[in-house]
């Protein structure tokens, strides 16, 4: 038992170091997209990064410093509503992000990647994609970059506001406030575009690698279909006994979990064996266990 416990502790320690490396890498990607493509185009996005961008455009405050100050101020306000692990991970993530942005921002001011007159939307697209990919890597490895998550945790505790609704309200308020500084609706549109692109890419990075489909198959040839999927696709099949409510006849139902890229192969074998089979296909957010992803 002691050896097993020691092995678990060693694996947990290795996983922590691995997570730290990937979190740092993800924050670097985010900082690169933010400082190289977003700040030079004067785009305001949601979250603390958006508030910091506003302060930079308005008062020329370095974005790295304002991100650090704002996050720590919110941590102090919401400290009692947050878990210790969240606070520690947020402090590490925010400090690393502030450091990278403080280094990269003056560098890209001296050696800009983009020039005036270039396609602004393309820059917003690149910046949003890089920011989303970076955040996706961070969140995939249990990291935190703080931001409005801190305020949302506080709102959830005292007002029972849903996470999604609180996030939308805060982000739209920050993006819309850019109008008072630039007096341009175009800036708001670019800010919304950045936020949507970053959110989509972030979700894809987190869930794209483990996109899984679930098949529910009803067929009289269920035995042949199950054997073929087992042998050809190398996926497990679960047999469930059911009953049609209208006919009161017993039916045999197969449940199959497979990777998204294996779905066409599954359909091919089902159609080859029983073209009249009833098949339901649905996407799963994630499947964990043997043959799929490990539980983190």
C-alpha atoms as a PDB file:
ATOM      1  CA  UNK A   1       0.000   0.000   0.000  1.00  0.00           C
ATOM      2  CA  UNK A   2       2.858   2.391   0.827  1.00  0.00           C
ATOM      3  CA  UNK A   3       4.493   1.730  -2.548  1.00  0.00           C
ATOM      4  CA  UNK A   4       1.224   2.375  -4.355  1.00  0.00           C
ATOM      5  CA  UNK A   5       0.669   5.596  -2.411  1.00  0.00           C
ATOM      6  CA  UNK A   6       4.224   6.713  -3.212  1.00  0.00           C
ATOM      7  CA  UNK A   7       3.693   5.975  -6.907  1.00  0.00           C
ATOM      8  CA  UNK A   8       0.496   8.031  -6.887  1.00  0.00           C
ATOM      9  CA  UNK A   9       2.315  10.943  -5.230  1.00  0.00           C
ATOM     10  CA  UNK A  10       5.154  10.745  -7.771  1.00  0.00           C
ATOM     11  CA  UNK A  11       2.735  10.701 -10.695  1.00  0.00           C
ATOM     12  CA  UNK A  12       0.827  13.639  -9.227  1.00  0.00           C
ATOM     13  CA  UNK A  13       4.078  15.595  -8.852  1.00  0.00           C
ATOM     14  CA  UNK A  14       5.130  14.821 -12.449  1.00  0.00           C
ATOM     15  CA  UNK A  15       1.673  15.870 -13.662  1.00  0.00           C
ATOM     16  CA  UNK A  16       1.943  19.156 -11.750  1.00  0.00           C
ATOM     17  CA  UNK A  17       5.264  19.981 -13.420  1.00  0.00           C
ATOM     18  CA  UNK A  18       3.834  19.009 -16.797  1.00  0.00           C
ATOM     19  CA  UNK A  19       0.794  21.219 -16.206  1.00  0.00           C
ATOM     20  CA  UNK A  20       3.038  24.118 -15.203  1.00  0.00           C
ATOM     21  CA  UNK A  21       5.048  23.843 -18.444  1.00  0.00           C
ATOM     22  CA  UNK A  22       1.931  23.780 -20.613  1.00  0.00           C
ATOM     23  CA  UNK A  23       0.272  26.591 -18.638  1.00  0.00           C
ATOM     24  CA  UNK A  24       3.352  28.766 -19.174  1.00  0.00           C
ATOM     25  CA  UNK A  25       3.385  27.899 -22.879  1.00  0.00           C
ATOM     26  CA  UNK A  26      -0.334  28.682 -23.212  1.00  0.00           C
ATOM     27  CA  UNK A  27       0.066  32.041 -21.486  1.00  0.00           C
ATOM     28  CA  UNK A  28       2.989  32.851 -23.808  1.00  0.00           C
ATOM     29  CA  UNK A  29       0.800  32.182 -26.870  1.00  0.00           C
ATOM     30  CA  UNK A  30      -1.990  34.334 -25.426  1.00  0.00           C
ATOM     31  CA  UNK A  31       0.420  37.165 -24.613  1.00  0.00           C
ATOM     32  CA  UNK A  32       1.902  37.023 -28.114  1.00  0.00           C
ATOM     33  CA  UNK A  33      -1.511  37.345 -29.800  1.00  0.00           C
ATOM     34  CA  UNK A  34      -2.583  40.096 -27.377  1.00  0.00           C
ATOM     35  CA  UNK A  35       0.497  42.287 -27.720  1.00  0.00           C
ATOM     36  CA  UNK A  36       1.400  41.645 -31.381  1.00  0.00           C
ATOM     37  CA  UNK A  37      -2.026  41.795 -33.042  1.00  0.00           C
ATOM     38  CA  UNK A  38      -4.632  43.252 -30.670  1.00  0.00           C
ATOM     39  CA  UNK A  39      -3.091  46.198 -28.809  1.00  0.00           C
ATOM     40  CA  UNK A  40      -1.613  47.797 -31.976  1.00  0.00           C
ATOM     41  CA  UNK A  41      -5.092  47.805 -33.577  1.00  0.00           C
ATOM     42  CA  UNK A  42      -6.741  49.383 -30.505  1.00  0.00           C
ATOM     43  CA  UNK A  43      -9.292  46.604 -30.041  1.00  0.00           C
ATOM     44  CA  UNK A  44     -11.103  46.201 -26.727  1.00  0.00           C
ATOM     45  CA  UNK A  45     -12.177  42.689 -25.752  1.00  0.00           C
ATOM     46  CA  UNK A  46     -13.920  41.342 -22.674  1.00  0.00           C
ATOM     47  CA  UNK A  47     -12.387  40.548 -19.316  1.00  0.00           C
ATOM     48  CA  UNK A  48      -9.523  42.140 -17.442  1.00  0.00           C
ATOM     49  CA  UNK A  49      -7.454  42.142 -20.640  1.00  0.00           C
ATOM     50  CA  UNK A  50     -10.113  44.415 -22.168  1.00  0.00           C
ATOM     51  CA  UNK A  51     -10.067  46.798 -19.192  1.00  0.00           C
ATOM     52  CA  UNK A  52      -6.263  46.864 -19.354  1.00  0.00           C
ATOM     53  CA  UNK A  53      -6.433  47.610 -23.080  1.00  0.00           C
ATOM     54  CA  UNK A  54      -8.775  50.540 -22.369  1.00  0.00           C
ATOM     55  CA  UNK A  55      -6.425  51.909 -19.712  1.00  0.00           C
ATOM     56  CA  UNK A  56      -3.512  51.574 -22.120  1.00  0.00           C
ATOM     57  CA  UNK A  57      -5.295  53.442 -24.932  1.00  0.00           C
ATOM     58  CA  UNK A  58      -6.610  56.101 -22.560  1.00  0.00           C
ATOM     59  CA  UNK A  59      -3.816  56.652 -20.032  1.00  0.00           C
ATOM     60  CA  UNK A  60      -0.882  54.800 -21.661  1.00  0.00           C
ATOM     61  CA  UNK A  61      -0.645  52.480 -18.666  1.00  0.00           C
ATOM     62  CA  UNK A  62       1.368  49.328 -19.538  1.00  0.00           C
ATOM     63  CA  UNK A  63      -1.111  46.483 -20.007  1.00  0.00           C
ATOM     64  CA  UNK A  64       1.018  43.972 -18.080  1.00  0.00           C
ATOM     65  CA  UNK A  65       1.025  46.107 -14.930  1.00  0.00           C
ATOM     66  CA  UNK A  66      -2.701  46.917 -15.044  1.00  0.00           C
ATOM     67  CA  UNK A  67      -3.580  43.227 -15.580  1.00  0.00           C
ATOM     68  CA  UNK A  68      -1.580  42.310 -12.465  1.00  0.00           C
ATOM     69  CA  UNK A  69      -3.012  45.148 -10.326  1.00  0.00           C
ATOM     70  CA  UNK A  70      -6.643  44.579 -11.381  1.00  0.00           C
ATOM     71  CA  UNK A  71      -6.493  40.827 -10.800  1.00  0.00           C
ATOM     72  CA  UNK A  72      -4.946  41.164  -7.367  1.00  0.00           C
ATOM     73  CA  UNK A  73      -7.475  43.836  -6.411  1.00  0.00           C
ATOM     74  CA  UNK A  74     -10.309  41.487  -7.389  1.00  0.00           C
ATOM     75  CA  UNK A  75      -8.678  38.606  -5.527  1.00  0.00           C
ATOM     76  CA  UNK A  76      -8.647  40.698  -2.357  1.00  0.00           C
ATOM     77  CA  UNK A  77     -12.322  41.624  -2.787  1.00  0.00           C
ATOM     78  CA  UNK A  78     -13.492  38.069  -3.539  1.00  0.00           C
ATOM     79  CA  UNK A  79     -10.936  36.166  -1.437  1.00  0.00           C
ATOM     80  CA  UNK A  80     -13.473  34.544   0.895  1.00  0.00           C
ATOM     81  CA  UNK A  81     -15.605  33.274  -2.016  1.00  0.00           C
ATOM     82  CA  UNK A  82     -12.686  31.489  -3.696  1.00  0.00           C
ATOM     83  CA  UNK A  83     -10.944  28.229  -2.967  1.00  0.00           C
ATOM     84  CA  UNK A  84      -7.306  28.169  -1.940  1.00  0.00           C
ATOM     85  CA  UNK A  85      -6.313  26.178  -5.033  1.00  0.00           C
ATOM     86  CA  UNK A  86      -8.033  28.700  -7.324  1.00  0.00           C
ATOM     87  CA  UNK A  87      -6.269  31.609  -5.610  1.00  0.00           C
ATOM     88  CA  UNK A  88      -2.820  29.973  -5.880  1.00  0.00           C
ATOM     89  CA  UNK A  89      -3.262  29.010  -9.530  1.00  0.00           C
ATOM     90  CA  UNK A  90      -4.619  32.476 -10.334  1.00  0.00           C
ATOM     91  CA  UNK A  91      -1.661  34.233  -8.679  1.00  0.00           C
ATOM     92  CA  UNK A  92       0.783  32.067 -10.652  1.00  0.00           C
ATOM     93  CA  UNK A  93      -1.092  32.485 -13.943  1.00  0.00           C
ATOM     94  CA  UNK A  94      -1.582  36.238 -13.585  1.00  0.00           C
ATOM     95  CA  UNK A  95       2.043  36.820 -12.586  1.00  0.00           C
ATOM     96  CA  UNK A  96       3.352  34.832 -15.573  1.00  0.00           C
ATOM     97  CA  UNK A  97       0.948  36.594 -17.946  1.00  0.00           C
ATOM     98  CA  UNK A  98       1.815  40.049 -16.630  1.00  0.00           C
ATOM     99  CA  UNK A  99       5.523  39.270 -17.027  1.00  0.00           C
ATOM    100  CA  UNK A 100       5.155  38.077 -20.624  1.00  0.00           C
ATOM    101  CA  UNK A 101       2.960  41.026 -21.628  1.00  0.00           C
ATOM    102  CA  UNK A 102       5.322  43.509 -19.938  1.00  0.00           C
ATOM    103  CA  UNK A 103       8.220  42.060 -21.960  1.00  0.00           C
ATOM    104  CA  UNK A 104       6.431  41.638 -25.292  1.00  0.00           C
ATOM    105  CA  UNK A 105       4.484  44.920 -25.411  1.00  0.00           C
ATOM    106  CA  UNK A 106       7.520  47.261 -25.653  1.00  0.00           C
ATOM    107  CA  UNK A 107       9.223  44.770 -27.991  1.00  0.00           C
ATOM    108  CA  UNK A 108       6.368  44.873 -30.518  1.00  0.00           C
ATOM    109  CA  UNK A 109       6.147  48.646 -30.151  1.00  0.00           C
ATOM    110  CA  UNK A 110       9.791  48.866 -31.249  1.00  0.00           C
ATOM    111  CA  UNK A 111       9.580  46.043 -33.815  1.00  0.00           C
ATOM    112  CA  UNK A 112       5.928  45.827 -34.940  1.00  0.00           C
ATOM    113  CA  UNK A 113       4.725  42.785 -36.851  1.00  0.00           C
ATOM    114  CA  UNK A 114       1.811  44.678 -38.401  1.00  0.00           C
ATOM    115  CA  UNK A 115       1.810  48.053 -40.132  1.00  0.00           C
ATOM    116  CA  UNK A 116      -0.823  50.736 -40.652  1.00  0.00           C
ATOM    117  CA  UNK A 117      -3.114  50.081 -43.591  1.00  0.00           C
ATOM    118  CA  UNK A 118      -3.030  46.312 -43.280  1.00  0.00           C
ATOM    119  CA  UNK A 119      -6.222  44.273 -42.930  1.00  0.00           C
ATOM    120  CA  UNK A 120      -7.464  45.024 -39.406  1.00  0.00           C
ATOM    121  CA  UNK A 121      -9.949  42.161 -39.337  1.00  0.00           C
ATOM    122  CA  UNK A 122      -7.205  39.683 -40.218  1.00  0.00           C
ATOM    123  CA  UNK A 123      -5.163  40.956 -37.271  1.00  0.00           C
ATOM    124  CA  UNK A 124      -8.162  40.584 -34.961  1.00  0.00           C
ATOM    125  CA  UNK A 125      -8.693  37.078 -36.346  1.00  0.00           C
ATOM    126  CA  UNK A 126      -5.068  36.088 -35.707  1.00  0.00           C
ATOM    127  CA  UNK A 127      -5.050  37.692 -32.270  1.00  0.00           C
ATOM    128  CA  UNK A 128      -8.313  35.987 -31.284  1.00  0.00           C
ATOM    129  CA  UNK A 129      -7.137  32.607 -32.547  1.00  0.00           C
ATOM    130  CA  UNK A 130      -3.822  32.851 -30.676  1.00  0.00           C
ATOM    131  CA  UNK A 131      -5.501  34.118 -27.494  1.00  0.00           C
ATOM    132  CA  UNK A 132      -8.130  31.369 -27.632  1.00  0.00           C
ATOM    133  CA  UNK A 133      -5.543  28.659 -28.296  1.00  0.00           C
ATOM    134  CA  UNK A 134      -3.414  29.895 -25.402  1.00  0.00           C
ATOM    135  CA  UNK A 135      -6.337  29.971 -22.980  1.00  0.00           C
ATOM    136  CA  UNK A 136      -7.462  26.541 -24.178  1.00  0.00           C
ATOM    137  CA  UNK A 137      -4.039  25.093 -23.324  1.00  0.00           C
ATOM    138  CA  UNK A 138      -4.099  26.806 -19.923  1.00  0.00           C
ATOM    139  CA  UNK A 139      -7.583  25.566 -19.020  1.00  0.00           C
ATOM    140  CA  UNK A 140      -6.833  22.047 -20.346  1.00  0.00           C
ATOM    141  CA  UNK A 141      -4.072  21.781 -17.751  1.00  0.00           C
ATOM    142  CA  UNK A 142      -6.100  23.153 -14.828  1.00  0.00           C
ATOM    143  CA  UNK A 143      -4.588  26.626 -15.015  1.00  0.00           C
ATOM    144  CA  UNK A 144      -6.223  29.972 -14.342  1.00  0.00           C
ATOM    145  CA  UNK A 145      -5.592  33.459 -15.669  1.00  0.00           C
ATOM    146  CA  UNK A 146      -7.958  35.112 -13.216  1.00  0.00           C
ATOM    147  CA  UNK A 147      -9.823  37.876 -14.966  1.00  0.00           C
ATOM    148  CA  UNK A 148     -13.562  38.250 -14.607  1.00  0.00           C
ATOM    149  CA  UNK A 149     -13.789  34.642 -13.323  1.00  0.00           C
ATOM    150  CA  UNK A 150     -13.056  36.142  -9.899  1.00  0.00           C
ATOM    151  CA  UNK A 151     -15.986  38.562 -10.052  1.00  0.00           C
ATOM    152  CA  UNK A 152     -18.247  35.857 -11.470  1.00  0.00           C
ATOM    153  CA  UNK A 153     -17.414  33.592  -8.519  1.00  0.00           C
ATOM    154  CA  UNK A 154     -18.480  36.429  -6.217  1.00  0.00           C
ATOM    155  CA  UNK A 155     -21.706  37.066  -8.169  1.00  0.00           C
ATOM    156  CA  UNK A 156     -22.575  33.358  -8.096  1.00  0.00           C
ATOM    157  CA  UNK A 157     -22.222  33.273  -4.317  1.00  0.00           C
ATOM    158  CA  UNK A 158     -24.300  36.354  -3.505  1.00  0.00           C
ATOM    159  CA  UNK A 159     -26.740  36.712  -6.423  1.00  0.00           C
ATOM    160  CA  UNK A 160     -26.927  33.150  -7.824  1.00  0.00           C
ATOM    161  CA  UNK A 161     -26.304  34.476 -11.312  1.00  0.00           C
ATOM    162  CA  UNK A 162     -25.407  31.833 -13.902  1.00  0.00           C
ATOM    163  CA  UNK A 163     -21.798  31.715 -15.099  1.00  0.00           C
ATOM    164  CA  UNK A 164     -22.693  32.251 -18.769  1.00  0.00           C
ATOM    165  CA  UNK A 165     -25.045  35.156 -18.110  1.00  0.00           C
ATOM    166  CA  UNK A 166     -22.586  36.891 -15.803  1.00  0.00           C
ATOM    167  CA  UNK A 167     -19.750  36.443 -18.311  1.00  0.00           C
ATOM    168  CA  UNK A 168     -21.849  37.865 -21.163  1.00  0.00           C
ATOM    169  CA  UNK A 169     -22.982  40.846 -19.085  1.00  0.00           C
ATOM    170  CA  UNK A 170     -19.444  41.760 -17.987  1.00  0.00           C
ATOM    171  CA  UNK A 171     -17.829  41.264 -21.416  1.00  0.00           C
ATOM    172  CA  UNK A 172     -20.494  43.256 -23.274  1.00  0.00           C
ATOM    173  CA  UNK A 173     -20.206  46.086 -20.729  1.00  0.00           C
ATOM    174  CA  UNK A 174     -16.416  46.281 -21.143  1.00  0.00           C
ATOM    175  CA  UNK A 175     -16.506  46.092 -24.949  1.00  0.00           C
ATOM    176  CA  UNK A 176     -19.311  48.658 -25.211  1.00  0.00           C
ATOM    177  CA  UNK A 177     -17.433  51.109 -22.984  1.00  0.00           C
ATOM    178  CA  UNK A 178     -14.827  51.477 -25.748  1.00  0.00           C
ATOM    179  CA  UNK A 179     -17.341  53.674 -27.576  1.00  0.00           C
ATOM    180  CA  UNK A 180     -16.829  56.462 -25.024  1.00  0.00           C
ATOM    181  CA  UNK A 181     -13.105  56.448 -25.799  1.00  0.00           C
ATOM    182  CA  UNK A 182     -13.080  55.999 -29.592  1.00  0.00           C
ATOM    183  CA  UNK A 183     -16.656  57.095 -30.503  1.00  0.00           C
ATOM    184  CA  UNK A 184     -16.739  54.285 -33.047  1.00  0.00           C
ATOM    185  CA  UNK A 185     -19.208  51.415 -33.357  1.00  0.00           C
ATOM    186  CA  UNK A 186     -16.599  49.615 -35.472  1.00  0.00           C
ATOM    187  CA  UNK A 187     -14.400  49.191 -32.413  1.00  0.00           C
ATOM    188  CA  UNK A 188     -17.246  47.432 -30.608  1.00  0.00           C
ATOM    189  CA  UNK A 189     -17.770  45.107 -33.581  1.00  0.00           C
ATOM    190  CA  UNK A 190     -14.068  44.184 -33.620  1.00  0.00           C
ATOM    191  CA  UNK A 191     -14.128  43.584 -29.871  1.00  0.00           C
ATOM    192  CA  UNK A 192     -17.115  41.241 -30.167  1.00  0.00           C
ATOM    193  CA  UNK A 193     -15.447  39.461 -33.107  1.00  0.00           C
ATOM    194  CA  UNK A 194     -12.267  38.949 -31.084  1.00  0.00           C
ATOM    195  CA  UNK A 195     -14.208  37.572 -28.108  1.00  0.00           C
ATOM    196  CA  UNK A 196     -16.243  35.158 -30.259  1.00  0.00           C
ATOM    197  CA  UNK A 197     -13.173  33.893 -32.140  1.00  0.00           C
ATOM    198  CA  UNK A 198     -11.171  33.447 -28.950  1.00  0.00           C
ATOM    199  CA  UNK A 199     -14.068  31.596 -27.261  1.00  0.00           C
ATOM    200  CA  UNK A 200     -14.548  29.262 -30.228  1.00  0.00           C
ATOM    201  CA  UNK A 201     -10.850  28.413 -30.542  1.00  0.00           C
ATOM    202  CA  UNK A 202     -10.550  27.960 -26.772  1.00  0.00           C
ATOM    203  CA  UNK A 203     -13.456  25.479 -26.749  1.00  0.00           C
ATOM    204  CA  UNK A 204     -12.005  23.662 -29.761  1.00  0.00           C
ATOM    205  CA  UNK A 205      -8.589  23.286 -28.116  1.00  0.00           C
ATOM    206  CA  UNK A 206     -10.180  21.978 -24.916  1.00  0.00           C
ATOM    207  CA  UNK A 207     -12.723  19.630 -26.512  1.00  0.00           C
ATOM    208  CA  UNK A 208     -11.551  19.154 -30.096  1.00  0.00           C
ATOM    209  CA  UNK A 209      -8.977  16.511 -29.290  1.00  0.00           C
ATOM    210  CA  UNK A 210     -11.535  14.396 -27.473  1.00  0.00           C
ATOM    211  CA  UNK A 211     -14.578  14.779 -29.701  1.00  0.00           C
ATOM    212  CA  UNK A 212     -16.501  11.559 -29.305  1.00  0.00           C
ATOM    213  CA  UNK A 213     -19.718  10.297 -30.853  1.00  0.00           C
ATOM    214  CA  UNK A 214     -22.299   7.987 -29.367  1.00  0.00           C
ATOM    215  CA  UNK A 215     -24.353   5.631 -31.526  1.00  0.00           C
ATOM    216  CA  UNK A 216     -27.645   4.091 -30.511  1.00  0.00           C
ATOM    217  CA  UNK A 217     -28.435   1.297 -32.972  1.00  0.00           C
ATOM    218  CA  UNK A 218     -31.667  -0.692 -33.254  1.00  0.00           C
ATOM    219  CA  UNK A 219     -31.512  -3.569 -35.713  1.00  0.00           C
ATOM    220  CA  UNK A 220     -32.539  -7.200 -36.082  1.00  0.00           C
ATOM    221  CA  UNK A 221     -28.963  -7.855 -37.189  1.00  0.00           C
ATOM    222  CA  UNK A 222     -27.586  -6.502 -33.920  1.00  0.00           C
ATOM    223  CA  UNK A 223     -25.287  -9.495 -33.356  1.00  0.00           C
ATOM    224  CA  UNK A 224     -23.529  -9.129 -36.727  1.00  0.00           C
ATOM    225  CA  UNK A 225     -23.277  -5.347 -36.294  1.00  0.00           C
ATOM    226  CA  UNK A 226     -21.826  -5.704 -32.773  1.00  0.00           C
ATOM    227  CA  UNK A 227     -19.288  -8.333 -33.869  1.00  0.00           C
ATOM    228  CA  UNK A 228     -18.198  -6.242 -36.874  1.00  0.00           C
ATOM    229  CA  UNK A 229     -17.748  -3.063 -34.847  1.00  0.00           C
ATOM    230  CA  UNK A 230     -15.773  -5.023 -32.253  1.00  0.00           C
ATOM    231  CA  UNK A 231     -13.462  -6.628 -34.800  1.00  0.00           C
ATOM    232  CA  UNK A 232     -13.176  -3.942 -37.493  1.00  0.00           C
ATOM    233  CA  UNK A 233     -13.412  -0.645 -35.577  1.00  0.00           C
ATOM    234  CA  UNK A 234     -12.024  -2.083 -32.325  1.00  0.00           C
ATOM    235  CA  UNK A 235     -14.657  -0.371 -30.216  1.00  0.00           C
ATOM    236  CA  UNK A 236     -16.718  -1.815 -27.398  1.00  0.00           C
ATOM    237  CA  UNK A 237     -20.423  -2.392 -27.822  1.00  0.00           C
ATOM    238  CA  UNK A 238     -23.052  -2.483 -25.081  1.00  0.00           C
ATOM    239  CA  UNK A 239     -26.263  -4.459 -25.581  1.00  0.00           C
ATOM    240  CA  UNK A 240     -29.422  -3.250 -23.858  1.00  0.00           C
ATOM    241  CA  UNK A 241     -32.778  -5.017 -23.857  1.00  0.00           C
ATOM    242  CA  UNK A 242     -35.665  -2.683 -24.596  1.00  0.00           C
ATOM    243  CA  UNK A 243     -39.322  -2.658 -25.548  1.00  0.00           C
ATOM    244  CA  UNK A 244     -41.212  -0.655 -28.135  1.00  0.00           C
ATOM    245  CA  UNK A 245     -43.930   1.220 -26.310  1.00  0.00           C
ATOM    246  CA  UNK A 246     -46.462   1.143 -29.135  1.00  0.00           C
ATOM    247  CA  UNK A 247     -45.828  -2.380 -30.442  1.00  0.00           C
ATOM    248  CA  UNK A 248     -44.883  -3.843 -27.025  1.00  0.00           C
ATOM    249  CA  UNK A 249     -42.284  -5.907 -28.907  1.00  0.00           C
ATOM    250  CA  UNK A 250     -38.860  -6.493 -27.390  1.00  0.00           C
ATOM    251  CA  UNK A 251     -35.965  -4.787 -29.161  1.00  0.00           C
ATOM    252  CA  UNK A 252     -32.196  -5.147 -28.847  1.00  0.00           C
ATOM    253  CA  UNK A 253     -30.340  -1.825 -28.594  1.00  0.00           C
ATOM    254  CA  UNK A 254     -26.622  -1.354 -29.202  1.00  0.00           C
ATOM    255  CA  UNK A 255     -24.678   1.547 -27.707  1.00  0.00           C
ATOM    256  CA  UNK A 256     -21.298   2.365 -29.220  1.00  0.00           C
ATOM    257  CA  UNK A 257     -18.830   5.087 -28.245  1.00  0.00           C
ATOM    258  CA  UNK A 258     -16.224   6.015 -30.871  1.00  0.00           C
ATOM    259  CA  UNK A 259     -13.971   8.839 -31.948  1.00  0.00           C
ATOM    260  CA  UNK A 260     -15.428  11.361 -34.379  1.00  0.00           C
ATOM    261  CA  UNK A 261     -13.080  10.241 -37.160  1.00  0.00           C
ATOM    262  CA  UNK A 262     -14.334   6.650 -36.726  1.00  0.00           C
ATOM    263  CA  UNK A 263     -17.998   7.547 -37.244  1.00  0.00           C
ATOM    264  CA  UNK A 264     -18.017   7.079 -41.030  1.00  0.00           C
ATOM    265  CA  UNK A 265     -16.495   3.628 -40.629  1.00  0.00           C
ATOM    266  CA  UNK A 266     -19.200   2.686 -38.116  1.00  0.00           C
ATOM    267  CA  UNK A 267     -21.918   3.932 -40.478  1.00  0.00           C
ATOM    268  CA  UNK A 268     -20.373   1.977 -43.370  1.00  0.00           C
ATOM    269  CA  UNK A 269     -20.525  -1.334 -41.499  1.00  0.00           C
ATOM    270  CA  UNK A 270     -24.057  -0.701 -40.207  1.00  0.00           C
ATOM    271  CA  UNK A 271     -25.322   0.109 -43.700  1.00  0.00           C
ATOM    272  CA  UNK A 272     -23.528  -2.906 -45.202  1.00  0.00           C
ATOM    273  CA  UNK A 273     -25.176  -5.287 -42.735  1.00  0.00           C
ATOM    274  CA  UNK A 274     -28.625  -3.702 -42.305  1.00  0.00           C
ATOM    275  CA  UNK A 275     -29.557  -0.676 -44.485  1.00  0.00           C
ATOM    276  CA  UNK A 276     -32.850  -0.393 -42.583  1.00  0.00           C
ATOM    277  CA  UNK A 277     -31.287  -0.148 -39.143  1.00  0.00           C
ATOM    278  CA  UNK A 278     -32.388   2.746 -36.952  1.00  0.00           C
ATOM    279  CA  UNK A 279     -29.329   4.740 -35.905  1.00  0.00           C
ATOM    280  CA  UNK A 280     -29.041   7.753 -33.618  1.00  0.00           C
ATOM    281  CA  UNK A 281     -25.746   9.662 -33.522  1.00  0.00           C
ATOM    282  CA  UNK A 282     -24.897  12.328 -30.950  1.00  0.00           C
ATOM    283  CA  UNK A 283     -21.749  14.183 -29.958  1.00  0.00           C
ATOM    284  CA  UNK A 284     -20.321  13.767 -26.473  1.00  0.00           C
ATOM    285  CA  UNK A 285     -18.460  16.525 -24.669  1.00  0.00           C
ATOM    286  CA  UNK A 286     -15.912  13.981 -23.538  1.00  0.00           C
ATOM    287  CA  UNK A 287     -15.559  10.291 -22.764  1.00  0.00           C
ATOM    288  CA  UNK A 288     -13.071   9.090 -20.186  1.00  0.00           C
ATOM    289  CA  UNK A 289     -11.827   5.597 -19.483  1.00  0.00           C
ATOM    290  CA  UNK A 290     -10.317   2.666 -21.365  1.00  0.00           C
ATOM    291  CA  UNK A 291      -9.725   3.489 -25.027  1.00  0.00           C
ATOM    292  CA  UNK A 292     -10.513   7.186 -24.574  1.00  0.00           C
ATOM    293  CA  UNK A 293      -9.124  10.031 -22.433  1.00  0.00           C
ATOM    294  CA  UNK A 294      -7.669   9.769 -18.962  1.00  0.00           C
ATOM    295  CA  UNK A 295      -9.532  11.421 -16.126  1.00  0.00           C
ATOM    296  CA  UNK A 296      -7.485  14.441 -14.986  1.00  0.00           C
END
